[in-house]
Amino acid sequence: QVQLVESGGGSVQPGSSLRLSCVVTGNTRNYWNIGWFRQPLGRGREGIAGINSADGATIYADSIKGRFTMSRESAKDTVYLQMNDLQPGDTGVYYCGATNMFLTPQLLCVASLWDVWGQGTQVTVST
C-alpha cells in the first residue's frame, strides 16, 4: 500500500504562484502512478495532472496546461505541482491520488478509479 500527504496550499491573489507537495510513502511507493486533483466547493473532483512512475512522463488536463507543472524528486519521495498565474477559478481543495492502473488522459478524468488519496490542501485565490 501507499500513503499520501499533501502540503503547500494557501490563500493568494490572482496572478500569484504556489507549489504543492505530495509525500509518497509505503513499501510499494515506486510502483504507483500519482495524480493531482482539485475539488471546488460543491463540485466534483477534477483530475489535472499525472505522472508515470516508470519513466516520469507527465500528462495534463487542458484546463491547466501551460500554467501548472508536475514533477517529482525521487530522493525525497515527493511529487510537486507548480502552479503559476493562479486565478479565482483555481480555488478548491487539491488532492494527490495514487493508482496502479496504466496512466492515460482518460484515467485522469475518472477519480473513482484511483485507489489512494491524501487528506487534501486548500488553495484559495481571491483579491
Protein backbone atom coordinates (compact mmCIF):
# COMPACT_ATOMS: atom_id res chain seq x y z
CA GLN A 1 0.00 0.00 0.00
CA VAL A 2 0.96 3.66 -0.25
CA GLN A 3 0.23 6.76 1.80
CA LEU A 4 -0.01 10.34 0.53
CA VAL A 5 0.38 13.62 2.42
CA GLU A 6 -0.17 16.97 0.68
CA SER A 7 1.05 20.39 1.75
CA GLY A 8 1.70 23.84 0.35
CA GLY A 9 -1.78 25.28 -0.07
CA GLY A 10 -2.71 28.80 0.97
CA SER A 11 -4.58 32.00 0.16
CA VAL A 12 -3.11 34.11 -2.64
CA GLN A 13 -4.07 36.89 -5.02
CA PRO A 14 -4.73 36.37 -8.73
CA GLY A 15 -1.54 36.08 -10.74
CA SER A 16 0.38 34.50 -7.85
CA SER A 17 2.17 31.16 -7.72
CA LEU A 18 2.12 28.24 -5.30
CA ARG A 19 3.94 24.92 -5.17
CA LEU A 20 2.12 21.96 -3.73
CA SER A 21 3.95 18.92 -2.41
CA CYS A 22 2.80 15.33 -2.02
CA VAL A 23 4.98 12.98 0.01
CA VAL A 24 4.53 9.38 -1.07
CA THR A 25 5.39 6.67 1.46
CA GLY A 26 4.98 2.91 1.66
CA ASN A 27 6.86 -0.19 0.66
CA THR A 28 5.49 -0.19 -2.89
CA ARG A 29 5.61 3.60 -3.45
CA ASN A 30 7.75 3.32 -6.59
CA TYR A 31 5.06 1.35 -8.43
CA TRP A 32 2.17 3.75 -8.11
CA ASN A 33 1.27 6.42 -10.63
CA ILE A 34 0.47 9.72 -8.93
CA GLY A 35 -2.07 12.33 -9.94
CA TRP A 36 -3.14 15.78 -8.79
CA PHE A 37 -6.83 16.53 -8.50
CA ARG A 38 -8.82 19.52 -7.32
CA GLN A 39 -12.31 19.89 -5.96
CA PRO A 40 -14.08 23.24 -5.78
CA LEU A 41 -16.70 23.60 -3.06
CA GLY A 42 -19.87 21.77 -4.04
CA ARG A 43 -18.40 20.25 -7.18
CA GLY A 44 -16.79 17.01 -8.26
CA ARG A 45 -13.13 16.08 -8.17
CA GLU A 46 -11.24 17.08 -11.34
CA GLY A 47 -8.03 15.39 -12.44
CA ILE A 48 -5.50 17.97 -13.58
CA ALA A 49 -2.09 16.26 -13.82
CA GLY A 50 -0.49 12.84 -13.56
CA ILE A 51 2.99 11.35 -13.54
CA ASN A 52 4.01 7.87 -14.65
CA SER A 53 6.05 6.01 -12.04
CA ALA A 54 8.14 4.13 -14.61
CA ASP A 55 9.54 6.99 -16.65
CA GLY A 56 8.34 10.23 -15.09
CA ALA A 57 6.23 11.16 -18.12
CA THR A 58 3.50 13.67 -17.29
CA ILE A 59 0.01 14.37 -18.61
CA TYR A 60 -2.15 17.42 -18.03
CA ALA A 61 -5.76 18.46 -18.30
CA ASP A 62 -6.44 21.16 -20.86
CA SER A 63 -7.79 23.43 -18.11
CA ILE A 64 -4.33 23.95 -16.59
CA LYS A 65 -1.92 23.36 -19.47
CA GLY A 66 0.78 25.99 -19.71
CA ARG A 67 0.25 27.22 -16.12
CA PHE A 68 0.80 24.14 -13.93
CA THR A 69 3.76 21.76 -13.97
CA MET A 70 4.00 18.41 -12.21
CA SER A 71 7.38 16.97 -11.26
CA ARG A 72 8.95 14.53 -8.85
CA GLU A 73 12.02 14.34 -6.65
CA SER A 74 12.65 10.65 -6.11
CA ALA A 75 15.28 11.19 -3.41
CA LYS A 76 12.60 12.86 -1.26
CA ASP A 77 9.71 10.57 -2.31
CA THR A 78 7.85 13.72 -3.25
CA VAL A 79 5.86 14.93 -6.22
CA TYR A 80 5.16 18.58 -6.80
CA LEU A 81 2.60 20.73 -8.56
CA GLN A 82 3.97 24.14 -9.51
CA MET A 83 1.02 26.46 -10.11
CA ASN A 84 1.60 29.79 -11.85
CA ASP A 85 -0.74 32.65 -12.74
CA LEU A 86 -3.38 31.41 -10.34
CA GLN A 87 -6.93 32.62 -10.93
CA PRO A 88 -10.10 32.55 -8.80
CA GLY A 89 -11.30 29.56 -10.81
CA ASP A 90 -8.38 27.56 -9.41
CA THR A 91 -9.81 27.75 -5.89
CA GLY A 92 -10.52 24.39 -4.27
CA VAL A 93 -9.11 21.55 -2.23
CA TYR A 94 -6.17 19.94 -4.01
CA TYR A 95 -5.57 16.22 -3.55
CA CYS A 96 -2.96 13.80 -4.73
CA GLY A 97 -4.12 10.34 -5.68
CA ALA A 98 -2.41 7.06 -6.49
CA THR A 99 -3.26 4.29 -8.89
CA ASN A 100 -1.53 1.19 -10.23
CA MET A 101 -3.54 1.32 -13.43
CA PHE A 102 -1.87 2.40 -16.67
CA LEU A 103 -1.82 6.20 -16.70
CA THR A 104 -3.81 7.76 -19.55
CA PRO A 105 -5.65 11.07 -20.02
CA GLN A 106 -8.91 9.12 -19.77
CA LEU A 107 -7.93 7.67 -16.38
CA LEU A 108 -7.23 11.20 -15.13
CA CYS A 109 -10.89 12.02 -15.81
CA VAL A 110 -12.29 9.25 -13.58
CA ALA A 111 -11.42 9.95 -9.95
CA SER A 112 -13.32 6.85 -8.77
CA LEU A 113 -10.69 4.61 -10.41
CA TRP A 114 -7.90 6.00 -8.24
CA ASP A 115 -7.19 3.86 -5.19
CA VAL A 116 -5.50 6.02 -2.58
CA TRP A 117 -5.96 9.66 -1.57
CA GLY A 118 -4.26 12.19 0.62
CA GLN A 119 -6.14 14.46 3.01
CA GLY A 120 -6.03 17.47 0.67
CA THR A 121 -4.73 21.02 0.91
CA GLN A 122 -6.83 24.16 0.41
CA VAL A 123 -5.95 26.69 -2.29
CA THR A 124 -7.86 29.96 -2.30
CA VAL A 125 -7.33 32.62 -4.98
CA SER A 126 -9.07 35.94 -4.38
CA THR A 127 -8.50 39.71 -4.42
